[in-house]
């Protein structure tokens, strides 16, 4: 699939999933798992929105 066919929700979903997974791994190793999941999903959502905005320009 080409990146040109993706819209903002695709980037947002991808960011939330990847960020949540990395947050859980960080929760296993360092901190509380719920906190890692929440922060990972939040950062992933912001990263997805940023990538979508940069690709739009």
C-alpha atoms as a PDB file:
ATOM      1  CA  UNK A   1       0.000   0.000   0.000  1.00  0.00           C
ATOM      2  CA  UNK A   2       1.316   3.410  -0.931  1.00  0.00           C
ATOM      3  CA  UNK A   3       1.670   6.087   1.742  1.00  0.00           C
ATOM      4  CA  UNK A   4      -0.213   8.510  -0.495  1.00  0.00           C
ATOM      5  CA  UNK A   5      -3.457   6.580   0.037  1.00  0.00           C
ATOM      6  CA  UNK A   6      -3.276   6.823   3.840  1.00  0.00           C
ATOM      7  CA  UNK A   7      -5.292   9.437   5.698  1.00  0.00           C
ATOM      8  CA  UNK A   8      -4.899  10.980   9.160  1.00  0.00           C
ATOM      9  CA  UNK A   9      -6.770   8.210  10.990  1.00  0.00           C
ATOM     10  CA  UNK A  10      -4.429   5.588   9.524  1.00  0.00           C
ATOM     11  CA  UNK A  11      -1.384   7.421  10.844  1.00  0.00           C
ATOM     12  CA  UNK A  12      -3.108   8.001  14.182  1.00  0.00           C
ATOM     13  CA  UNK A  13      -4.034   4.319  14.579  1.00  0.00           C
ATOM     14  CA  UNK A  14      -0.559   3.188  13.609  1.00  0.00           C
ATOM     15  CA  UNK A  15       1.015   5.591  16.101  1.00  0.00           C
ATOM     16  CA  UNK A  16      -1.278   4.495  18.940  1.00  0.00           C
ATOM     17  CA  UNK A  17      -0.581   0.803  18.328  1.00  0.00           C
ATOM     18  CA  UNK A  18       3.183   1.152  18.031  1.00  0.00           C
ATOM     19  CA  UNK A  19       3.406   3.597  20.949  1.00  0.00           C
ATOM     20  CA  UNK A  20       1.236   1.399  23.160  1.00  0.00           C
ATOM     21  CA  UNK A  21       3.360  -1.657  22.397  1.00  0.00           C
ATOM     22  CA  UNK A  22       6.573   0.196  23.202  1.00  0.00           C
ATOM     23  CA  UNK A  23       4.994   1.569  26.380  1.00  0.00           C
ATOM     24  CA  UNK A  24       4.096  -1.925  27.580  1.00  0.00           C
ATOM     25  CA  UNK A  25       7.639  -3.132  26.928  1.00  0.00           C
ATOM     26  CA  UNK A  26       8.892  -0.146  28.892  1.00  0.00           C
ATOM     27  CA  UNK A  27       6.432  -1.043  31.622  1.00  0.00           C
ATOM     28  CA  UNK A  28       7.893  -4.537  31.843  1.00  0.00           C
ATOM     29  CA  UNK A  29      11.414  -3.202  32.168  1.00  0.00           C
ATOM     30  CA  UNK A  30      11.235   0.104  34.016  1.00  0.00           C
ATOM     31  CA  UNK A  31       7.942   1.502  35.303  1.00  0.00           C
ATOM     32  CA  UNK A  32       4.299   0.687  35.969  1.00  0.00           C
ATOM     33  CA  UNK A  33       2.731  -1.080  32.973  1.00  0.00           C
ATOM     34  CA  UNK A  34      -0.497   0.993  32.931  1.00  0.00           C
ATOM     35  CA  UNK A  35       1.471   4.208  33.025  1.00  0.00           C
ATOM     36  CA  UNK A  36       3.768   3.007  30.233  1.00  0.00           C
ATOM     37  CA  UNK A  37       0.788   1.974  28.104  1.00  0.00           C
ATOM     38  CA  UNK A  38      -0.952   5.323  28.565  1.00  0.00           C
ATOM     39  CA  UNK A  39       2.153   7.418  27.911  1.00  0.00           C
ATOM     40  CA  UNK A  40       3.122   5.254  24.930  1.00  0.00           C
ATOM     41  CA  UNK A  41      -0.324   5.603  23.379  1.00  0.00           C
ATOM     42  CA  UNK A  42      -0.346   9.358  23.995  1.00  0.00           C
ATOM     43  CA  UNK A  43       3.089   9.863  22.467  1.00  0.00           C
ATOM     44  CA  UNK A  44       2.216   7.537  19.586  1.00  0.00           C
ATOM     45  CA  UNK A  45      -0.940   9.519  18.834  1.00  0.00           C
ATOM     46  CA  UNK A  46       1.010  12.776  18.788  1.00  0.00           C
ATOM     47  CA  UNK A  47       3.688  11.223  16.573  1.00  0.00           C
ATOM     48  CA  UNK A  48       1.032   9.924  14.172  1.00  0.00           C
ATOM     49  CA  UNK A  49      -0.564  13.348  13.904  1.00  0.00           C
ATOM     50  CA  UNK A  50       2.830  14.937  13.311  1.00  0.00           C
ATOM     51  CA  UNK A  51       3.731  12.496  10.551  1.00  0.00           C
ATOM     52  CA  UNK A  52       0.328  12.997   8.894  1.00  0.00           C
ATOM     53  CA  UNK A  53       0.759  16.785   8.987  1.00  0.00           C
ATOM     54  CA  UNK A  54       4.268  16.568   7.524  1.00  0.00           C
ATOM     55  CA  UNK A  55       3.156  14.223   4.730  1.00  0.00           C
ATOM     56  CA  UNK A  56       0.266  16.538   3.861  1.00  0.00           C
ATOM     57  CA  UNK A  57       2.645  19.438   3.164  1.00  0.00           C
END
